[in-house]
Structure formats: C-alpha cells, structure tokens
Amino acid sequence: MDERTKAAIDADFFRNITDYEHGTALFLRVIKELNIQPVMHEFVAETELKGNQYLQELINANEITIVHYDDYLRKEESGSYESYFKEAYERINKFDFPAGEDIYTYAEKEESLGEIRSFYMAKKMSYTYLMSDDADARTLARNFSSRKYRVIVQTLYDVFVECRRQETGFVWKDINVTATNAMRKRQDKLNRLKEIYGESSK
C-alpha cells in the first residue's frame, strides 16, 4: 500500500518545476523528499499538457498517476458536479459558462479549467494537496472546501518553503534556476526564499 501523501498536480505548477530545469529531476526529487504521490486529472494531462515530453516520461516510468472522471465521479453525481462546475466557473471567470458546451470536455485558455476540475477531483478523492501556481486555485479552496473536506493549495513557492521547513537535503543551488525564473515577477517571494535558504546576505 502506497502511504505517500497524495497531491493533485496542475499544469502551471508542472511546467514551472520542469521547464526551467529542462527535465523532471527536480520534480522527482521534490516528491521524494516530501513523500508525495503525484496524481493528475485527465483534462490537465490530455488537454493542457498534451504533447508535454516531461509528463510523458513520468507516465511511462509510472511516476505519476492520471485520474479519469470515472475514477471518482458516479453517474448519479453528475448533477451535483455540474452545479459545482458552473458555480466555480462563474465565480472565477465572472461570466456564465458558455451555453451548449460540455462541462467534461470544454477547453479554453485562461479560464482556470484545469484548476476547477482538479480541485473537485482532489476534494472528492480526499487528496491533501492541490499543487497549483494559479491564484484561482486558492479561490476554489476558500469557496468550496469544508471542514470535513479541505484541500490545501500549495504553490511552487510553498513547496520550496516546505522543503526547507522539513529540513530536506535541498540547498539554494538546487532550486536557484527554477525559483529565479518562476518567481521573476514576485521578487518578494524570491527574496524570502533566498533568506530561508541562507542566501540573502551573499
């Protein structure tokens, strides 16, 4: 039995932790050090990350699990899922879900569709974390979590902080390239990471 902590991985988080390293080494080390079992919604894997070579490498190596709708959604629950999806979509995008579109397959950029679907999956399957660098993921967690079913959203920044908090083997040079690039527009967070990794005075 796999006793690792399950975490749903979203597209933006995955790109940030792999693209700047040109590979999966950092991702694999993070999930090992934090004892994480990574899972990914089929929409994220097959639509948002379609053709991504790093994801395909992980799938081929059985290092990430792709979760399909029928793994967690029964037919009799379709009504409640539709209600959630449309409410979440409207709350995030500030306009109604397009009439006539299929909530299971609808794809459009910049509408947080991966986050909406991944959050519901994580909540339904009692995953501890949703790893996402999209601020809309926190909106979902605030509005659709409950005391019984709480999903914790972790950004890449949060993960690097957690690696330090848990006293893993990571040092600044291990995350420098990814952190510097992924957080180039958030200098405050980058400076904070340098501080906690002992690089602020260098």
C-alpha atoms as a PDB file:
ATOM      1  CA  MET A   1       0.000   0.000   0.000  1.00  0.00           C
ATOM      2  CA  ASP A   2       1.309   3.425  -1.004  1.00  0.00           C
ATOM      3  CA  GLU A   3       1.436   5.542   2.150  1.00  0.00           C
ATOM      4  CA  ARG A   4       2.628   8.712   0.458  1.00  0.00           C
ATOM      5  CA  THR A   5       0.533  11.877   0.704  1.00  0.00           C
ATOM      6  CA  LYS A   6      -1.496  12.362  -2.464  1.00  0.00           C
ATOM      7  CA  ALA A   7      -1.302  15.655  -4.303  1.00  0.00           C
ATOM      8  CA  ALA A   8      -3.075  16.738  -7.467  1.00  0.00           C
ATOM      9  CA  ILE A   9      -0.639  18.429  -9.840  1.00  0.00           C
ATOM     10  CA  ASP A  10      -1.872  21.252 -12.029  1.00  0.00           C
ATOM     11  CA  ALA A  11      -0.467  22.299 -15.405  1.00  0.00           C
ATOM     12  CA  ASP A  12       1.151  25.592 -14.440  1.00  0.00           C
ATOM     13  CA  PHE A  13       2.878  24.082 -11.406  1.00  0.00           C
ATOM     14  CA  PHE A  14       4.137  21.186 -13.527  1.00  0.00           C
ATOM     15  CA  ARG A  15       5.521  23.477 -16.221  1.00  0.00           C
ATOM     16  CA  ASN A  16       7.246  25.704 -13.663  1.00  0.00           C
ATOM     17  CA  ILE A  17       9.001  22.822 -11.933  1.00  0.00           C
ATOM     18  CA  THR A  18      10.124  21.097 -15.154  1.00  0.00           C
ATOM     19  CA  ASP A  19      10.569  23.641 -17.952  1.00  0.00           C
ATOM     20  CA  TYR A  20      13.337  25.713 -16.360  1.00  0.00           C
ATOM     21  CA  GLU A  21      15.255  22.553 -15.452  1.00  0.00           C
ATOM     22  CA  HIS A  22      14.647  21.054 -18.902  1.00  0.00           C
ATOM     23  CA  GLY A  23      13.655  17.812 -17.261  1.00  0.00           C
ATOM     24  CA  THR A  24      11.941  16.008 -14.424  1.00  0.00           C
ATOM     25  CA  ALA A  25      14.812  15.651 -11.946  1.00  0.00           C
ATOM     26  CA  LEU A  26      13.701  18.471  -9.633  1.00  0.00           C
ATOM     27  CA  PHE A  27      10.079  17.329  -9.690  1.00  0.00           C
ATOM     28  CA  LEU A  28      11.068  13.763  -8.832  1.00  0.00           C
ATOM     29  CA  ARG A  29      13.331  14.888  -6.024  1.00  0.00           C
ATOM     30  CA  VAL A  30      10.668  17.158  -4.521  1.00  0.00           C
ATOM     31  CA  ILE A  31       8.016  14.442  -4.416  1.00  0.00           C
ATOM     32  CA  LYS A  32      10.530  12.005  -2.931  1.00  0.00           C
ATOM     33  CA  GLU A  33      11.774  14.412  -0.253  1.00  0.00           C
ATOM     34  CA  LEU A  34       8.223  15.418   0.722  1.00  0.00           C
ATOM     35  CA  ASN A  35       6.836  11.875   0.426  1.00  0.00           C
ATOM     36  CA  ILE A  36       4.256  12.927  -2.170  1.00  0.00           C
ATOM     37  CA  GLN A  37       2.323  10.674  -4.524  1.00  0.00           C
ATOM     38  CA  PRO A  38       1.549  12.871  -7.562  1.00  0.00           C
ATOM     39  CA  VAL A  39      -1.725  12.478  -9.436  1.00  0.00           C
ATOM     40  CA  MET A  40      -3.097  14.460 -12.358  1.00  0.00           C
ATOM     41  CA  HIS A  41      -6.575  14.957 -13.773  1.00  0.00           C
ATOM     42  CA  GLU A  42      -7.054  13.559 -17.262  1.00  0.00           C
ATOM     43  CA  PHE A  43      -8.037  17.006 -18.606  1.00  0.00           C
ATOM     44  CA  VAL A  44      -4.761  18.502 -17.400  1.00  0.00           C
ATOM     45  CA  ALA A  45      -2.709  15.637 -18.801  1.00  0.00           C
ATOM     46  CA  GLU A  46      -4.507  15.144 -22.103  1.00  0.00           C
ATOM     47  CA  THR A  47      -5.507  18.715 -22.964  1.00  0.00           C
ATOM     48  CA  GLU A  48      -3.482  21.328 -21.080  1.00  0.00           C
ATOM     49  CA  LEU A  49      -0.239  19.310 -21.161  1.00  0.00           C
ATOM     50  CA  LYS A  50      -0.895  17.412 -24.376  1.00  0.00           C
ATOM     51  CA  GLY A  51       2.419  16.506 -26.006  1.00  0.00           C
ATOM     52  CA  ASN A  52       4.497  17.540 -22.975  1.00  0.00           C
ATOM     53  CA  GLN A  53       7.562  15.318 -23.118  1.00  0.00           C
ATOM     54  CA  TYR A  54       8.330  15.560 -19.407  1.00  0.00           C
ATOM     55  CA  LEU A  55       4.865  14.410 -18.427  1.00  0.00           C
ATOM     56  CA  GLN A  56       5.068  11.536 -20.877  1.00  0.00           C
ATOM     57  CA  GLU A  57       8.377  10.464 -19.355  1.00  0.00           C
ATOM     58  CA  LEU A  58       6.795  10.351 -15.895  1.00  0.00           C
ATOM     59  CA  ILE A  59       3.757   8.437 -17.149  1.00  0.00           C
ATOM     60  CA  ASN A  60       5.966   5.891 -18.911  1.00  0.00           C
ATOM     61  CA  ALA A  61       8.022   5.476 -15.739  1.00  0.00           C
ATOM     62  CA  ASN A  62       4.893   5.120 -13.546  1.00  0.00           C
ATOM     63  CA  GLU A  63       5.938   8.181 -11.558  1.00  0.00           C
ATOM     64  CA  ILE A  64       2.588   9.959 -11.857  1.00  0.00           C
ATOM     65  CA  THR A  65      -0.984   8.665 -11.884  1.00  0.00           C
ATOM     66  CA  ILE A  66      -3.556  10.009 -14.337  1.00  0.00           C
ATOM     67  CA  VAL A  67      -7.048  10.081 -12.818  1.00  0.00           C
ATOM     68  CA  HIS A  68     -10.113   9.811 -15.062  1.00  0.00           C
ATOM     69  CA  TYR A  69     -13.625  11.056 -14.421  1.00  0.00           C
ATOM     70  CA  ASP A  70     -14.989   7.570 -13.829  1.00  0.00           C
ATOM     71  CA  ASP A  71     -12.377   7.005 -11.124  1.00  0.00           C
ATOM     72  CA  TYR A  72     -14.192   9.409  -8.812  1.00  0.00           C
ATOM     73  CA  LEU A  73     -17.468  10.501 -10.363  1.00  0.00           C
ATOM     74  CA  ARG A  74     -20.516   8.241 -10.416  1.00  0.00           C
ATOM     75  CA  LYS A  75     -23.367   8.794 -12.866  1.00  0.00           C
ATOM     76  CA  GLU A  76     -25.789   9.715 -10.124  1.00  0.00           C
ATOM     77  CA  GLU A  77     -23.437  12.510  -9.022  1.00  0.00           C
ATOM     78  CA  SER A  78     -23.381  14.233 -12.411  1.00  0.00           C
ATOM     79  CA  GLY A  79     -25.989  16.788 -11.332  1.00  0.00           C
ATOM     80  CA  SER A  80     -24.062  17.940  -8.262  1.00  0.00           C
ATOM     81  CA  TYR A  81     -20.834  18.071 -10.280  1.00  0.00           C
ATOM     82  CA  GLU A  82     -22.496  20.211 -12.958  1.00  0.00           C
ATOM     83  CA  SER A  83     -23.752  22.610 -10.287  1.00  0.00           C
ATOM     84  CA  TYR A  84     -20.276  22.859  -8.733  1.00  0.00           C
ATOM     85  CA  PHE A  85     -18.551  23.281 -12.094  1.00  0.00           C
ATOM     86  CA  LYS A  86     -20.776  26.091 -13.306  1.00  0.00           C
ATOM     87  CA  GLU A  87     -20.716  27.918  -9.975  1.00  0.00           C
ATOM     88  CA  ALA A  88     -16.931  27.640  -9.763  1.00  0.00           C
ATOM     89  CA  TYR A  89     -16.541  28.710 -13.382  1.00  0.00           C
ATOM     90  CA  GLU A  90     -18.715  31.778 -12.879  1.00  0.00           C
ATOM     91  CA  ARG A  91     -17.055  32.707  -9.591  1.00  0.00           C
ATOM     92  CA  ILE A  92     -13.607  32.645 -11.166  1.00  0.00           C
ATOM     93  CA  ASN A  93     -14.296  33.973 -14.662  1.00  0.00           C
ATOM     94  CA  LYS A  94     -17.066  36.460 -13.769  1.00  0.00           C
ATOM     95  CA  PHE A  95     -19.300  35.273 -16.606  1.00  0.00           C
ATOM     96  CA  ASP A  96     -21.590  32.329 -17.253  1.00  0.00           C
ATOM     97  CA  PHE A  97     -20.366  29.019 -18.605  1.00  0.00           C
ATOM     98  CA  PRO A  98     -20.976  29.019 -22.392  1.00  0.00           C
ATOM     99  CA  ALA A  99     -24.375  27.571 -23.256  1.00  0.00           C
ATOM    100  CA  GLY A 100     -24.334  24.229 -25.029  1.00  0.00           C
ATOM    101  CA  GLU A 101     -20.763  23.328 -24.059  1.00  0.00           C
ATOM    102  CA  ASP A 102     -19.840  20.042 -22.359  1.00  0.00           C
ATOM    103  CA  ILE A 103     -18.518  20.594 -18.834  1.00  0.00           C
ATOM    104  CA  TYR A 104     -16.340  17.496 -19.132  1.00  0.00           C
ATOM    105  CA  THR A 105     -14.513  18.382 -22.339  1.00  0.00           C
ATOM    106  CA  TYR A 106     -14.803  22.158 -22.750  1.00  0.00           C
ATOM    107  CA  ALA A 107     -11.349  23.655 -23.259  1.00  0.00           C
ATOM    108  CA  GLU A 108     -10.314  27.291 -23.411  1.00  0.00           C
ATOM    109  CA  LYS A 109      -7.154  29.049 -22.278  1.00  0.00           C
ATOM    110  CA  GLU A 110      -7.058  31.446 -19.321  1.00  0.00           C
ATOM    111  CA  GLU A 111     -10.287  30.182 -17.752  1.00  0.00           C
ATOM    112  CA  SER A 112      -8.778  28.029 -14.978  1.00  0.00           C
ATOM    113  CA  LEU A 113     -10.472  24.896 -16.278  1.00  0.00           C
ATOM    114  CA  GLY A 114      -7.716  22.604 -15.044  1.00  0.00           C
ATOM    115  CA  GLU A 115      -7.918  24.091 -11.562  1.00  0.00           C
ATOM    116  CA  ILE A 116     -11.705  23.763 -11.436  1.00  0.00           C
ATOM    117  CA  ARG A 117     -11.597  20.110 -12.439  1.00  0.00           C
ATOM    118  CA  SER A 118      -8.521  19.230 -10.379  1.00  0.00           C
ATOM    119  CA  PHE A 119      -9.898  20.792  -7.218  1.00  0.00           C
ATOM    120  CA  TYR A 120     -13.129  18.810  -7.395  1.00  0.00           C
ATOM    121  CA  MET A 121     -11.169  15.610  -8.033  1.00  0.00           C
ATOM    122  CA  ALA A 122      -8.862  16.315  -5.080  1.00  0.00           C
ATOM    123  CA  LYS A 123     -11.791  17.068  -2.787  1.00  0.00           C
ATOM    124  CA  LYS A 124     -13.780  14.044  -3.945  1.00  0.00           C
ATOM    125  CA  MET A 125     -10.845  11.663  -3.502  1.00  0.00           C
ATOM    126  CA  SER A 126      -9.686  13.217  -0.206  1.00  0.00           C
ATOM    127  CA  TYR A 127      -6.298  14.295  -1.503  1.00  0.00           C
ATOM    128  CA  THR A 128      -4.367  16.514   0.875  1.00  0.00           C
ATOM    129  CA  TYR A 129      -2.937  18.953  -1.657  1.00  0.00           C
ATOM    130  CA  LEU A 130      -3.586  20.684  -4.941  1.00  0.00           C
ATOM    131  CA  MET A 131      -0.288  21.972  -6.278  1.00  0.00           C
ATOM    132  CA  SER A 132      -1.021  24.976  -8.457  1.00  0.00           C
ATOM    133  CA  ASP A 133       0.589  28.322  -9.237  1.00  0.00           C
ATOM    134  CA  ASP A 134      -2.723  29.807 -10.349  1.00  0.00           C
ATOM    135  CA  ALA A 135      -4.276  32.155  -7.790  1.00  0.00           C
ATOM    136  CA  ASP A 136      -7.709  30.872  -8.790  1.00  0.00           C
ATOM    137  CA  ALA A 137      -6.908  27.586  -7.059  1.00  0.00           C
ATOM    138  CA  ARG A 138      -6.943  29.401  -3.709  1.00  0.00           C
ATOM    139  CA  THR A 139     -10.293  30.950  -4.634  1.00  0.00           C
ATOM    140  CA  LEU A 140     -11.665  27.453  -5.147  1.00  0.00           C
ATOM    141  CA  ALA A 141     -10.219  26.276  -1.839  1.00  0.00           C
ATOM    142  CA  ARG A 142     -11.763  29.216   0.029  1.00  0.00           C
ATOM    143  CA  ASN A 143     -15.194  28.814  -1.518  1.00  0.00           C
ATOM    144  CA  PHE A 144     -15.603  25.066  -1.943  1.00  0.00           C
ATOM    145  CA  SER A 145     -13.676  23.473   0.913  1.00  0.00           C
ATOM    146  CA  SER A 146     -15.445  22.346   4.050  1.00  0.00           C
ATOM    147  CA  ARG A 147     -14.249  21.449   7.498  1.00  0.00           C
ATOM    148  CA  LYS A 148     -14.543  17.771   6.571  1.00  0.00           C
ATOM    149  CA  TYR A 149     -13.112  18.006   3.045  1.00  0.00           C
ATOM    150  CA  ARG A 150     -10.311  20.545   2.975  1.00  0.00           C
ATOM    151  CA  VAL A 151      -7.825  20.697   0.147  1.00  0.00           C
ATOM    152  CA  ILE A 152      -4.625  22.652   0.772  1.00  0.00           C
ATOM    153  CA  VAL A 153      -3.331  24.622  -2.208  1.00  0.00           C
ATOM    154  CA  GLN A 154       0.449  24.747  -2.480  1.00  0.00           C
ATOM    155  CA  THR A 155       2.315  26.902  -4.968  1.00  0.00           C
ATOM    156  CA  LEU A 156       5.871  26.195  -6.065  1.00  0.00           C
ATOM    157  CA  TYR A 157       6.975  28.811  -3.548  1.00  0.00           C
ATOM    158  CA  ASP A 158       5.095  26.993  -0.783  1.00  0.00           C
ATOM    159  CA  VAL A 159       6.714  23.718  -1.783  1.00  0.00           C
ATOM    160  CA  PHE A 160      10.217  25.165  -1.639  1.00  0.00           C
ATOM    161  CA  VAL A 161       9.437  26.651   1.781  1.00  0.00           C
ATOM    162  CA  GLU A 162       8.135  23.273   2.937  1.00  0.00           C
ATOM    163  CA  CYS A 163      11.311  21.563   1.721  1.00  0.00           C
ATOM    164  CA  ARG A 164      13.292  23.871   3.968  1.00  0.00           C
ATOM    165  CA  ARG A 165      10.885  23.530   6.888  1.00  0.00           C
ATOM    166  CA  GLN A 166      11.149  19.755   6.775  1.00  0.00           C
ATOM    167  CA  GLU A 167      14.944  20.012   6.657  1.00  0.00           C
ATOM    168  CA  THR A 168      15.254  18.087   3.403  1.00  0.00           C
ATOM    169  CA  GLY A 169      18.566  17.931   1.589  1.00  0.00           C
ATOM    170  CA  PHE A 170      17.767  20.876  -0.680  1.00  0.00           C
ATOM    171  CA  VAL A 171      20.173  23.809  -0.796  1.00  0.00           C
ATOM    172  CA  TRP A 172      19.807  27.036  -2.759  1.00  0.00           C
ATOM    173  CA  LYS A 173      21.747  25.871  -5.814  1.00  0.00           C
ATOM    174  CA  ASP A 174      19.271  23.003  -6.230  1.00  0.00           C
ATOM    175  CA  ILE A 175      16.318  25.345  -6.748  1.00  0.00           C
ATOM    176  CA  ASN A 176      18.044  28.537  -7.908  1.00  0.00           C
ATOM    177  CA  VAL A 177      17.294  28.296 -11.641  1.00  0.00           C
ATOM    178  CA  THR A 178      13.667  27.302 -11.223  1.00  0.00           C
ATOM    179  CA  ALA A 179      12.913  29.694  -8.363  1.00  0.00           C
ATOM    180  CA  THR A 180      14.579  32.646 -10.086  1.00  0.00           C
ATOM    181  CA  ASN A 181      12.668  32.121 -13.317  1.00  0.00           C
ATOM    182  CA  ALA A 182       9.311  31.054 -11.908  1.00  0.00           C
ATOM    183  CA  MET A 183       9.226  33.951  -9.432  1.00  0.00           C
ATOM    184  CA  ARG A 184      10.797  36.671 -11.535  1.00  0.00           C
ATOM    185  CA  LYS A 185       7.606  38.730 -11.187  1.00  0.00           C
ATOM    186  CA  ARG A 186       7.397  38.118  -7.438  1.00  0.00           C
ATOM    187  CA  GLN A 187      10.680  39.479  -6.160  1.00  0.00           C
ATOM    188  CA  ASP A 188       9.357  39.480  -2.598  1.00  0.00           C
ATOM    189  CA  LYS A 189       8.890  35.717  -2.659  1.00  0.00           C
ATOM    190  CA  LEU A 190      12.218  35.140  -4.356  1.00  0.00           C
ATOM    191  CA  ASN A 191      13.969  37.236  -1.717  1.00  0.00           C
ATOM    192  CA  ARG A 192      12.172  35.326   1.021  1.00  0.00           C
ATOM    193  CA  LEU A 193      13.360  32.020  -0.413  1.00  0.00           C
ATOM    194  CA  LYS A 194      16.926  33.314  -0.556  1.00  0.00           C
ATOM    195  CA  GLU A 195      16.589  34.339   3.065  1.00  0.00           C
ATOM    196  CA  ILE A 196      15.343  30.986   4.338  1.00  0.00           C
ATOM    197  CA  TYR A 197      17.921  29.125   2.249  1.00  0.00           C
ATOM    198  CA  GLY A 198      20.695  31.311   3.707  1.00  0.00           C
ATOM    199  CA  GLU A 199      21.470  33.254   0.535  1.00  0.00           C
ATOM    200  CA  SER A 200      20.109  36.712   1.399  1.00  0.00           C
ATOM    201  CA  SER A 201      23.448  38.171   2.533  1.00  0.00           C
ATOM    202  CA  LYS A 202      25.560  36.681  -0.243  1.00  0.00           C
END
